[in-house]
Amino acid sequence: MKTLISVFVPMFLAGLLWAGPEFTYSQLALKDLDQMNDLVRQKIAAAKEGDNAPLKDGLQTVLSRPDEDFMIDKVMGPLRQELEEQDLWEPTMVALTDEAISALKNPKKHKAAIQATYAVFLTNTISQLKPKAREKGFERQLLEKIRDAKIELSAEMRDERRLRVMKETASPSTLAEQALGKPEKK
């Protein structure tokens, strides 16, 4: 009995610590502007009660939604402002990017839809960081981290994206390399 408990308790706790995205990219694609704004407001309100985890969840949710309709820029403002006021923008972006890279580098641990959600997250993160990619700062460092991860998308994840959106998904590492542009010659 003790052996059983000593095996299952750590597994249960590990599951709690590795929560992953709250929604998949396909669930988020169905949410309209009002629903996304409501979600952001709820996350900010929950964070005002003293726990910053809802801000991280909110940012992950917003950036995990496919952005074909350019909605991210419309809903990100209040969330980013709240994170910046608490000096959490950069650490939260780094933590979420690390989580996404880890998930995509270890695809057997995640279902294809979760892998695709992380790929969408990184794609949208790259789009958000791209305007400042040439500057030597946080944005460039994060893009370099994504590029240097050399992410290869699993066949299951590519099939999932092809099935749902009927298009190929490029590796976030390739997209980050394109965003960074050609290195300057010295």
N, C-alpha and C. Protein backbone atom coordinates (compact mmCIF):
# COMPACT_ATOMS: atom_id res chain seq x y z
N MET A 1 0.82 -1.19 0.00
CA MET A 1 0.00 0.00 0.00
C MET A 1 0.86 1.26 0.00
N LYS A 2 1.93 1.26 0.84
CA LYS A 2 2.82 2.42 0.88
C LYS A 2 3.48 2.64 -0.47
N THR A 3 3.85 1.55 -1.13
CA THR A 3 4.48 1.65 -2.43
C THR A 3 3.53 2.29 -3.43
N LEU A 4 2.28 1.87 -3.39
CA LEU A 4 1.27 2.43 -4.28
C LEU A 4 1.12 3.92 -4.06
N ILE A 5 1.04 4.32 -2.82
CA ILE A 5 0.90 5.74 -2.49
C ILE A 5 2.14 6.52 -2.92
N SER A 6 3.30 5.95 -2.67
CA SER A 6 4.54 6.66 -3.03
C SER A 6 4.71 6.79 -4.54
N VAL A 7 4.03 5.98 -5.30
CA VAL A 7 4.09 6.09 -6.76
C VAL A 7 3.05 7.07 -7.28
N PHE A 8 1.83 6.98 -6.78
CA PHE A 8 0.74 7.79 -7.34
C PHE A 8 0.71 9.23 -6.85
N VAL A 9 1.12 9.49 -5.63
CA VAL A 9 1.10 10.87 -5.12
C VAL A 9 2.04 11.76 -5.94
N PRO A 10 3.30 11.38 -6.18
CA PRO A 10 4.15 12.23 -7.01
C PRO A 10 3.61 12.42 -8.43
N MET A 11 3.00 11.36 -8.99
CA MET A 11 2.43 11.48 -10.33
C MET A 11 1.29 12.49 -10.33
N PHE A 12 0.45 12.45 -9.30
CA PHE A 12 -0.67 13.38 -9.18
C PHE A 12 -0.15 14.80 -9.05
N LEU A 13 0.84 15.01 -8.19
CA LEU A 13 1.40 16.35 -7.98
C LEU A 13 2.07 16.86 -9.24
N ALA A 14 2.76 16.01 -9.96
CA ALA A 14 3.39 16.42 -11.22
C ALA A 14 2.33 16.86 -12.21
N GLY A 15 1.20 16.19 -12.23
CA GLY A 15 0.10 16.59 -13.11
C GLY A 15 -0.45 17.95 -12.76
N LEU A 16 -0.49 18.26 -11.48
CA LEU A 16 -0.97 19.58 -11.05
C LEU A 16 0.01 20.68 -11.44
N LEU A 17 1.30 20.39 -11.36
CA LEU A 17 2.30 21.39 -11.68
C LEU A 17 2.38 21.64 -13.18
N TRP A 18 2.12 20.64 -13.98
CA TRP A 18 2.18 20.78 -15.44
C TRP A 18 0.76 20.90 -15.96
N ALA A 19 0.22 22.08 -15.82
CA ALA A 19 -1.17 22.28 -16.18
C ALA A 19 -1.36 22.41 -17.69
N GLY A 20 -0.44 23.08 -18.37
CA GLY A 20 -0.58 23.28 -19.80
C GLY A 20 -1.63 24.33 -20.11
N PRO A 21 -1.92 24.51 -21.38
CA PRO A 21 -2.88 25.54 -21.79
C PRO A 21 -4.29 25.24 -21.26
N GLU A 22 -5.00 26.30 -20.94
CA GLU A 22 -6.37 26.17 -20.44
C GLU A 22 -7.32 25.74 -21.56
N PHE A 23 -7.06 26.23 -22.78
CA PHE A 23 -7.87 25.91 -23.96
C PHE A 23 -6.93 25.47 -25.08
N THR A 24 -7.44 24.68 -26.02
CA THR A 24 -6.66 24.36 -27.21
C THR A 24 -6.88 25.46 -28.24
N TYR A 25 -5.98 25.51 -29.22
CA TYR A 25 -6.07 26.54 -30.25
C TYR A 25 -7.40 26.46 -31.00
N SER A 26 -7.94 25.25 -31.20
CA SER A 26 -9.19 25.11 -31.94
C SER A 26 -10.38 25.61 -31.12
N GLN A 27 -10.34 25.44 -29.80
CA GLN A 27 -11.40 26.00 -28.95
C GLN A 27 -11.32 27.53 -28.95
N LEU A 28 -10.11 28.06 -28.91
CA LEU A 28 -9.93 29.51 -28.88
C LEU A 28 -10.32 30.15 -30.21
N ALA A 29 -10.12 29.43 -31.30
CA ALA A 29 -10.47 29.98 -32.62
C ALA A 29 -11.96 30.27 -32.73
N LEU A 30 -12.76 29.58 -31.93
CA LEU A 30 -14.22 29.77 -31.97
C LEU A 30 -14.68 30.95 -31.11
N LYS A 31 -13.80 31.50 -30.30
CA LYS A 31 -14.17 32.61 -29.42
C LYS A 31 -14.12 33.93 -30.20
N ASP A 32 -15.17 34.75 -30.01
CA ASP A 32 -15.20 36.05 -30.69
C ASP A 32 -14.56 37.12 -29.81
N LEU A 33 -14.55 38.35 -30.30
CA LEU A 33 -13.90 39.45 -29.61
C LEU A 33 -14.47 39.67 -28.20
N ASP A 34 -15.79 39.65 -28.08
CA ASP A 34 -16.41 39.85 -26.77
C ASP A 34 -16.01 38.75 -25.78
N GLN A 35 -16.00 37.52 -26.25
CA GLN A 35 -15.62 36.40 -25.37
C GLN A 35 -14.16 36.51 -24.92
N MET A 36 -13.30 36.90 -25.84
CA MET A 36 -11.88 37.05 -25.49
C MET A 36 -11.68 38.22 -24.53
N ASN A 37 -12.38 39.33 -24.77
CA ASN A 37 -12.28 40.47 -23.86
C ASN A 37 -12.79 40.10 -22.47
N ASP A 38 -13.89 39.35 -22.41
CA ASP A 38 -14.42 38.90 -21.12
C ASP A 38 -13.41 38.02 -20.39
N LEU A 39 -12.79 37.13 -21.13
CA LEU A 39 -11.80 36.24 -20.54
C LEU A 39 -10.64 37.04 -19.96
N VAL A 40 -10.16 38.05 -20.71
CA VAL A 40 -9.06 38.88 -20.23
C VAL A 40 -9.48 39.65 -18.98
N ARG A 41 -10.68 40.21 -18.99
CA ARG A 41 -11.17 40.95 -17.81
C ARG A 41 -11.25 40.03 -16.58
N GLN A 42 -11.72 38.80 -16.78
CA GLN A 42 -11.81 37.84 -15.67
C GLN A 42 -10.42 37.52 -15.11
N LYS A 43 -9.46 37.35 -15.99
CA LYS A 43 -8.09 37.02 -15.54
C LYS A 43 -7.49 38.19 -14.77
N ILE A 44 -7.72 39.42 -15.24
CA ILE A 44 -7.20 40.59 -14.55
C ILE A 44 -7.87 40.75 -13.18
N ALA A 45 -9.18 40.55 -13.14
CA ALA A 45 -9.91 40.65 -11.87
C ALA A 45 -9.42 39.59 -10.88
N ALA A 46 -9.18 38.38 -11.35
CA ALA A 46 -8.69 37.32 -10.47
C ALA A 46 -7.29 37.65 -9.95
N ALA A 47 -6.48 38.28 -10.79
CA ALA A 47 -5.12 38.64 -10.39
C ALA A 47 -5.12 39.74 -9.33
N LYS A 48 -6.11 40.59 -9.37
CA LYS A 48 -6.20 41.69 -8.38
C LYS A 48 -6.48 41.15 -6.98
N GLU A 49 -6.91 39.91 -6.88
CA GLU A 49 -7.15 39.28 -5.58
C GLU A 49 -5.86 38.76 -4.96
N GLY A 50 -4.74 38.98 -5.63
CA GLY A 50 -3.45 38.63 -5.05
C GLY A 50 -2.67 37.52 -5.71
N ASP A 51 -3.25 36.82 -6.65
CA ASP A 51 -2.56 35.72 -7.31
C ASP A 51 -2.28 36.13 -8.75
N ASN A 52 -1.01 36.09 -9.16
CA ASN A 52 -0.64 36.50 -10.51
C ASN A 52 -0.77 35.39 -11.54
N ALA A 53 -1.04 34.17 -11.12
CA ALA A 53 -1.17 33.04 -12.06
C ALA A 53 -2.23 33.29 -13.13
N PRO A 54 -3.37 33.93 -12.80
CA PRO A 54 -4.36 34.18 -13.85
C PRO A 54 -3.84 35.08 -14.98
N LEU A 55 -2.91 35.98 -14.66
CA LEU A 55 -2.33 36.82 -15.71
C LEU A 55 -1.51 35.97 -16.68
N LYS A 56 -0.74 35.04 -16.13
CA LYS A 56 0.04 34.13 -16.97
C LYS A 56 -0.89 33.28 -17.83
N ASP A 57 -1.95 32.74 -17.21
CA ASP A 57 -2.92 31.94 -17.95
C ASP A 57 -3.59 32.77 -19.05
N GLY A 58 -3.92 34.01 -18.71
CA GLY A 58 -4.57 34.89 -19.68
C GLY A 58 -3.67 35.18 -20.87
N LEU A 59 -2.40 35.45 -20.60
CA LEU A 59 -1.46 35.72 -21.68
C LEU A 59 -1.29 34.49 -22.56
N GLN A 60 -1.16 33.33 -21.93
CA GLN A 60 -1.03 32.10 -22.70
C GLN A 60 -2.28 31.87 -23.55
N THR A 61 -3.43 32.13 -23.00
CA THR A 61 -4.68 31.94 -23.73
C THR A 61 -4.77 32.88 -24.92
N VAL A 62 -4.48 34.15 -24.70
CA VAL A 62 -4.57 35.13 -25.79
C VAL A 62 -3.61 34.78 -26.91
N LEU A 63 -2.37 34.44 -26.56
CA LEU A 63 -1.38 34.14 -27.59
C LEU A 63 -1.54 32.75 -28.20
N SER A 64 -2.39 31.93 -27.64
CA SER A 64 -2.63 30.59 -28.19
C SER A 64 -3.80 30.57 -29.17
N ARG A 65 -4.45 31.70 -29.35
CA ARG A 65 -5.58 31.78 -30.28
C ARG A 65 -5.04 32.11 -31.67
N PRO A 66 -5.42 31.33 -32.69
CA PRO A 66 -4.98 31.66 -34.04
C PRO A 66 -5.38 33.10 -34.37
N ASP A 67 -4.47 33.85 -34.99
CA ASP A 67 -4.66 35.29 -35.16
C ASP A 67 -4.97 35.69 -36.60
N GLU A 68 -5.69 34.85 -37.32
CA GLU A 68 -6.03 35.19 -38.70
C GLU A 68 -6.88 36.46 -38.78
N ASP A 69 -7.63 36.76 -37.72
CA ASP A 69 -8.50 37.94 -37.70
C ASP A 69 -7.87 39.11 -36.93
N PHE A 70 -6.60 39.01 -36.60
CA PHE A 70 -5.85 40.07 -35.92
C PHE A 70 -6.49 40.50 -34.60
N MET A 71 -7.05 39.56 -33.88
CA MET A 71 -7.73 39.87 -32.62
C MET A 71 -6.75 40.07 -31.46
N ILE A 72 -5.59 39.47 -31.53
CA ILE A 72 -4.65 39.54 -30.41
C ILE A 72 -4.35 40.99 -30.03
N ASP A 73 -4.08 41.83 -31.01
CA ASP A 73 -3.78 43.24 -30.72
C ASP A 73 -4.96 43.94 -30.06
N LYS A 74 -6.17 43.49 -30.33
CA LYS A 74 -7.36 44.12 -29.76
C LYS A 74 -7.59 43.73 -28.31
N VAL A 75 -7.14 42.56 -27.89
CA VAL A 75 -7.42 42.10 -26.53
C VAL A 75 -6.19 42.08 -25.61
N MET A 76 -5.01 42.22 -26.17
CA MET A 76 -3.78 42.08 -25.40
C MET A 76 -3.48 43.29 -24.51
N GLY A 77 -3.90 44.47 -24.89
CA GLY A 77 -3.52 45.70 -24.20
C GLY A 77 -3.68 45.69 -22.68
N PRO A 78 -4.89 45.46 -22.16
CA PRO A 78 -5.07 45.48 -20.71
C PRO A 78 -4.24 44.42 -19.97
N LEU A 79 -4.10 43.26 -20.59
CA LEU A 79 -3.34 42.17 -19.99
C LEU A 79 -1.86 42.54 -19.92
N ARG A 80 -1.34 43.06 -21.01
CA ARG A 80 0.07 43.46 -21.04
C ARG A 80 0.32 44.59 -20.05
N GLN A 81 -0.58 45.55 -20.00
CA GLN A 81 -0.43 46.68 -19.08
C GLN A 81 -0.36 46.19 -17.63
N GLU A 82 -1.25 45.27 -17.29
CA GLU A 82 -1.27 44.73 -15.92
C GLU A 82 0.03 43.99 -15.61
N LEU A 83 0.51 43.21 -16.56
CA LEU A 83 1.77 42.49 -16.36
C LEU A 83 2.95 43.45 -16.25
N GLU A 84 2.97 44.49 -17.08
CA GLU A 84 4.07 45.45 -17.03
C GLU A 84 4.06 46.26 -15.74
N GLU A 85 2.87 46.61 -15.25
CA GLU A 85 2.77 47.35 -13.99
C GLU A 85 3.36 46.56 -12.82
N GLN A 86 3.30 45.26 -12.92
CA GLN A 86 3.84 44.41 -11.85
C GLN A 86 5.23 43.85 -12.20
N ASP A 87 5.83 44.39 -13.25
CA ASP A 87 7.14 43.92 -13.72
C ASP A 87 7.15 42.43 -14.01
N LEU A 88 6.05 41.94 -14.57
CA LEU A 88 5.92 40.51 -14.86
C LEU A 88 5.88 40.20 -16.35
N TRP A 89 5.88 41.22 -17.21
CA TRP A 89 5.75 40.97 -18.64
C TRP A 89 6.88 40.06 -19.14
N GLU A 90 8.12 40.48 -18.95
CA GLU A 90 9.24 39.71 -19.49
C GLU A 90 9.37 38.34 -18.84
N PRO A 91 9.33 38.24 -17.49
CA PRO A 91 9.45 36.89 -16.91
C PRO A 91 8.32 35.95 -17.32
N THR A 92 7.12 36.51 -17.50
CA THR A 92 5.99 35.67 -17.92
C THR A 92 6.18 35.20 -19.35
N MET A 93 6.63 36.10 -20.22
CA MET A 93 6.87 35.71 -21.62
C MET A 93 7.96 34.64 -21.69
N VAL A 94 9.01 34.80 -20.91
CA VAL A 94 10.10 33.81 -20.90
C VAL A 94 9.58 32.46 -20.40
N ALA A 95 8.84 32.47 -19.31
CA ALA A 95 8.33 31.22 -18.73
C ALA A 95 7.40 30.50 -19.70
N LEU A 96 6.50 31.25 -20.33
CA LEU A 96 5.56 30.63 -21.27
C LEU A 96 6.27 30.13 -22.53
N THR A 97 7.26 30.88 -22.98
CA THR A 97 8.03 30.45 -24.15
C THR A 97 8.82 29.18 -23.83
N ASP A 98 9.43 29.14 -22.66
CA ASP A 98 10.16 27.93 -22.24
C ASP A 98 9.22 26.73 -22.17
N GLU A 99 8.03 26.95 -21.63
CA GLU A 99 7.04 25.87 -21.52
C GLU A 99 6.66 25.35 -22.91
N ALA A 100 6.43 26.28 -23.85
CA ALA A 100 6.04 25.88 -25.20
C ALA A 100 7.17 25.15 -25.91
N ILE A 101 8.39 25.66 -25.78
CA ILE A 101 9.54 25.00 -26.41
C ILE A 101 9.71 23.59 -25.85
N SER A 102 9.63 23.47 -24.54
CA SER A 102 9.77 22.16 -23.90
C SER A 102 8.71 21.17 -24.40
N ALA A 103 7.48 21.64 -24.50
CA ALA A 103 6.39 20.77 -24.97
C ALA A 103 6.62 20.32 -26.41
N LEU A 104 7.08 21.23 -27.25
CA LEU A 104 7.28 20.88 -28.66
C LEU A 104 8.54 20.04 -28.87
N LYS A 105 9.50 20.16 -27.97
CA LYS A 105 10.71 19.34 -28.06
C LYS A 105 10.47 17.93 -27.50
N ASN A 106 9.38 17.76 -26.75
CA ASN A 106 9.02 16.46 -26.16
C ASN A 106 7.59 16.10 -26.56
N PRO A 107 7.35 15.89 -27.84
CA PRO A 107 5.98 15.72 -28.32
C PRO A 107 5.25 14.48 -27.80
N LYS A 108 5.98 13.47 -27.40
CA LYS A 108 5.31 12.24 -26.92
C LYS A 108 4.56 12.47 -25.61
N LYS A 109 4.89 13.53 -24.90
CA LYS A 109 4.24 13.82 -23.62
C LYS A 109 2.93 14.58 -23.79
N HIS A 110 2.62 15.01 -25.03
CA HIS A 110 1.45 15.86 -25.24
C HIS A 110 0.66 15.41 -26.46
N LYS A 111 -0.65 15.55 -26.36
CA LYS A 111 -1.50 15.24 -27.50
C LYS A 111 -1.24 16.25 -28.62
N ALA A 112 -1.60 15.86 -29.83
CA ALA A 112 -1.35 16.70 -31.00
C ALA A 112 -2.00 18.07 -30.87
N ALA A 113 -3.21 18.14 -30.33
CA ALA A 113 -3.90 19.43 -30.19
C ALA A 113 -3.16 20.36 -29.23
N ILE A 114 -2.57 19.81 -28.18
CA ILE A 114 -1.80 20.62 -27.23
C ILE A 114 -0.50 21.08 -27.89
N GLN A 115 0.14 20.19 -28.64
CA GLN A 115 1.34 20.58 -29.37
C GLN A 115 1.02 21.72 -30.34
N ALA A 116 -0.10 21.60 -31.04
CA ALA A 116 -0.50 22.63 -32.00
C ALA A 116 -0.79 23.95 -31.28
N THR A 117 -1.37 23.86 -30.09
CA THR A 117 -1.65 25.07 -29.31
C THR A 117 -0.35 25.76 -28.94
N TYR A 118 0.64 25.00 -28.53
CA TYR A 118 1.95 25.58 -28.21
C TYR A 118 2.61 26.17 -29.47
N ALA A 119 2.46 25.51 -30.61
CA ALA A 119 3.02 26.04 -31.85
C ALA A 119 2.35 27.37 -32.22
N VAL A 120 1.03 27.45 -32.06
CA VAL A 120 0.31 28.70 -32.33
C VAL A 120 0.79 29.77 -31.35
N PHE A 121 0.96 29.40 -30.09
CA PHE A 121 1.47 30.35 -29.09
C PHE A 121 2.81 30.93 -29.54
N LEU A 122 3.74 30.07 -29.94
CA LEU A 122 5.05 30.56 -30.35
C LEU A 122 4.97 31.39 -31.62
N THR A 123 4.13 30.99 -32.56
CA THR A 123 3.96 31.76 -33.79
C THR A 123 3.46 33.16 -33.48
N ASN A 124 2.47 33.26 -32.60
CA ASN A 124 1.94 34.57 -32.23
C ASN A 124 2.94 35.37 -31.40
N THR A 125 3.70 34.70 -30.57
CA THR A 125 4.75 35.37 -29.79
C THR A 125 5.77 35.98 -30.74
N ILE A 126 6.16 35.23 -31.74
CA ILE A 126 7.12 35.73 -32.73
C ILE A 126 6.55 36.96 -33.42
N SER A 127 5.29 36.92 -33.79
CA SER A 127 4.65 38.08 -34.44
C SER A 127 4.66 39.30 -33.53
N GLN A 128 4.42 39.09 -32.24
CA GLN A 128 4.42 40.21 -31.29
C GLN A 128 5.82 40.78 -31.08
N LEU A 129 6.83 39.93 -31.14
CA LEU A 129 8.21 40.36 -30.89
C LEU A 129 8.90 40.91 -32.13
N LYS A 130 8.42 40.55 -33.29
CA LYS A 130 9.10 40.87 -34.55
C LYS A 130 9.41 42.36 -34.74
N PRO A 131 8.50 43.29 -34.40
CA PRO A 131 8.83 44.70 -34.63
C PRO A 131 10.10 45.17 -33.91
N LYS A 132 10.48 44.53 -32.83
CA LYS A 132 11.68 44.93 -32.10
C LYS A 132 12.82 43.91 -32.25
N ALA A 133 12.73 43.08 -33.26
CA ALA A 133 13.70 42.00 -33.44
C ALA A 133 15.10 42.51 -33.73
N ARG A 134 15.23 43.65 -34.35
CA ARG A 134 16.55 44.19 -34.72
C ARG A 134 17.25 44.87 -33.54
N GLU A 135 16.48 45.22 -32.50
CA GLU A 135 17.07 45.88 -31.34
C GLU A 135 17.71 44.84 -30.43
N LYS A 136 18.73 45.26 -29.71
CA LYS A 136 19.39 44.35 -28.77
C LYS A 136 18.65 44.45 -27.44
N GLY A 137 17.67 43.61 -27.26
CA GLY A 137 16.89 43.65 -26.04
C GLY A 137 16.20 42.33 -25.78
N PHE A 138 15.24 42.40 -24.90
CA PHE A 138 14.48 41.23 -24.47
C PHE A 138 13.85 40.50 -25.66
N GLU A 139 13.23 41.27 -26.56
CA GLU A 139 12.52 40.67 -27.69
C GLU A 139 13.46 39.85 -28.56
N ARG A 140 14.62 40.41 -28.85
CA ARG A 140 15.60 39.71 -29.67
C ARG A 140 16.09 38.44 -28.97
N GLN A 141 16.35 38.54 -27.67
CA GLN A 141 16.82 37.37 -26.92
C GLN A 141 15.80 36.24 -26.95
N LEU A 142 14.53 36.60 -26.82
CA LEU A 142 13.48 35.58 -26.84
C LEU A 142 13.36 34.95 -28.23
N LEU A 143 13.47 35.77 -29.27
CA LEU A 143 13.44 35.23 -30.64
C LEU A 143 14.64 34.32 -30.88
N GLU A 144 15.79 34.70 -30.38
CA GLU A 144 16.98 33.85 -30.54
C GLU A 144 16.81 32.52 -29.80
N LYS A 145 16.18 32.57 -28.64
CA LYS A 145 15.93 31.33 -27.88
C LYS A 145 15.03 30.39 -28.68
N ILE A 146 13.99 30.94 -29.30
CA ILE A 146 13.08 30.11 -30.11
C ILE A 146 13.82 29.56 -31.33
N ARG A 147 14.60 30.43 -31.99
CA ARG A 147 15.37 29.99 -33.15
C ARG A 147 16.35 28.88 -32.77
N ASP A 148 17.09 29.10 -31.69
CA ASP A 148 18.14 28.17 -31.28
C ASP A 148 17.59 26.84 -30.75
N ALA A 149 16.31 26.80 -30.42
CA ALA A 149 15.69 25.55 -29.95
C ALA A 149 15.58 24.52 -31.07
N LYS A 150 15.64 24.99 -32.31
CA LYS A 150 15.57 24.10 -33.48
C LYS A 150 14.40 23.11 -33.36
N ILE A 151 13.23 23.67 -33.18
CA ILE A 151 12.01 22.88 -32.98
C ILE A 151 11.62 22.18 -34.28
N GLU A 152 11.37 20.90 -34.17
CA GLU A 152 10.82 20.13 -35.29
C GLU A 152 9.44 19.66 -34.87
N LEU A 153 8.45 20.04 -35.64
CA LEU A 153 7.06 19.70 -35.30
C LEU A 153 6.80 18.22 -35.60
N SER A 154 6.09 17.57 -34.71
CA SER A 154 5.80 16.15 -34.88
C SER A 154 4.81 15.94 -36.03
N ALA A 155 4.84 14.77 -36.61
CA ALA A 155 3.92 14.43 -37.70
C ALA A 155 2.47 14.50 -37.21
N GLU A 156 2.23 14.06 -35.98
CA GLU A 156 0.87 14.10 -35.43
C GLU A 156 0.36 15.53 -35.32
N MET A 157 1.24 16.44 -34.90
CA MET A 157 0.85 17.84 -34.76
C MET A 157 0.58 18.46 -36.13
N ARG A 158 1.44 18.16 -37.09
CA ARG A 158 1.23 18.70 -38.45
C ARG A 158 -0.07 18.17 -39.04
N ASP A 159 -0.38 16.89 -38.80
CA ASP A 159 -1.65 16.31 -39.27
C ASP A 159 -2.84 17.00 -38.61
N GLU A 160 -2.74 17.26 -37.32
CA GLU A 160 -3.80 17.96 -36.58
C GLU A 160 -4.08 19.33 -37.20
N ARG A 161 -3.04 20.08 -37.48
CA ARG A 161 -3.21 21.42 -38.07
C ARG A 161 -3.77 21.32 -39.49
N ARG A 162 -3.27 20.36 -40.25
CA ARG A 162 -3.78 20.18 -41.61
C ARG A 162 -5.26 19.84 -41.60
N LEU A 163 -5.66 19.00 -40.66
CA LEU A 163 -7.05 18.58 -40.54
C LEU A 163 -7.95 19.74 -40.15
N ARG A 164 -7.52 20.55 -39.18
CA ARG A 164 -8.37 21.63 -38.65
C ARG A 164 -8.35 22.89 -39.50
N VAL A 165 -7.19 23.29 -39.98
CA VAL A 165 -7.11 24.57 -40.70
C VAL A 165 -6.66 24.42 -42.15
N MET A 166 -6.42 23.19 -42.55
CA MET A 166 -6.06 22.87 -43.93
C MET A 166 -4.89 23.68 -44.46
N LYS A 167 -3.87 23.82 -43.61
CA LYS A 167 -2.64 24.45 -44.09
C LYS A 167 -1.46 23.92 -43.29
N GLU A 168 -0.30 24.05 -43.89
CA GLU A 168 0.93 23.60 -43.24
C GLU A 168 1.31 24.57 -42.13
N THR A 169 1.98 24.04 -41.13
CA THR A 169 2.47 24.86 -40.04
C THR A 169 3.99 24.84 -40.07
N ALA A 170 4.57 26.03 -40.14
CA ALA A 170 6.03 26.13 -40.15
C ALA A 170 6.57 25.98 -38.74
N SER A 171 7.79 25.52 -38.63
CA SER A 171 8.44 25.40 -37.33
C SER A 171 8.62 26.79 -36.73
N PRO A 172 8.30 26.96 -35.45
CA PRO A 172 8.53 28.25 -34.80
C PRO A 172 10.00 28.68 -34.88
N SER A 173 10.92 27.73 -34.87
CA SER A 173 12.34 28.08 -34.98
C SER A 173 12.64 28.72 -36.33
N THR A 174 12.04 28.21 -37.38
CA THR A 174 12.20 28.79 -38.71
C THR A 174 11.59 30.18 -38.76
N LEU A 175 10.41 30.34 -38.19
CA LEU A 175 9.75 31.65 -38.17
C LEU A 175 10.56 32.67 -37.37
N ALA A 176 11.14 32.25 -36.27
CA ALA A 176 11.98 33.15 -35.46
C ALA A 176 13.22 33.56 -36.24
N GLU A 177 13.80 32.62 -36.96
CA GLU A 177 14.98 32.93 -37.77
C GLU A 177 14.63 33.97 -38.84
N GLN A 178 13.47 33.81 -39.47
CA GLN A 178 13.02 34.78 -40.47
C GLN A 178 12.76 36.14 -39.83
N ALA A 179 12.18 36.16 -38.64
CA ALA A 179 11.90 37.42 -37.95
C ALA A 179 13.19 38.15 -37.58
N LEU A 180 14.20 37.39 -37.22
CA LEU A 180 15.48 38.00 -36.85
C LEU A 180 16.22 38.54 -38.06
N GLY A 181 15.93 38.00 -39.22
CA GLY A 181 16.58 38.46 -40.44
C GLY A 181 18.00 37.94 -40.54
N LYS A 182 18.68 38.42 -41.55
CA LYS A 182 20.07 38.00 -41.76
C LYS A 182 20.96 38.69 -40.72
N PRO A 183 21.94 37.95 -40.20
CA PRO A 183 22.85 38.56 -39.23
C PRO A 183 23.68 39.67 -39.88
N GLU A 184 23.98 40.70 -39.09
CA GLU A 184 24.79 41.80 -39.60
C GLU A 184 26.22 41.34 -39.79
N LYS A 185 26.84 41.79 -40.90
CA LYS A 185 28.24 41.45 -41.16
C LYS A 185 29.13 42.42 -40.40
N LYS A 186 30.20 41.87 -39.82
CA LYS A 186 31.10 42.72 -39.03
C LYS A 186 32.38 42.97 -39.77
